[in-house]
């Protein structure tokens, strides 16, 4: 079964080597979807409690990215590199992590399933 939860954060960045306007400082209202793939625990009836998942995601990712300058943590802060950074932060605490989706805008998204 796949469990998927949505989060959001606001952040600024620039892409220093971009040939267009993205090389300038700008911000986004990011959407993040975190997916876990695993069996339902027969004792709890869940893969993981949504609150337990949120504790990890908020601590490891949201608190560190929300209202921040992304280039301080991710120097080449493309959506692709942001997704990899998020994966790397979450995977040690969420072994059932199967996918992260990072929406930079409503219609631009990257999906990362680990290396």
Foldseek 3Di string as FASTA:
>chain_A
DKDKDKDWAKEWEAACPDPDPSNDIDIFTKMKMWMFDDDQDPVVRHPDPPVVVVVQLCVQPRVVGHHYYCCVPQVRDDLVSSQVSSCVSRCVVRVRTAWMWMDRYPPDIDIDGDD
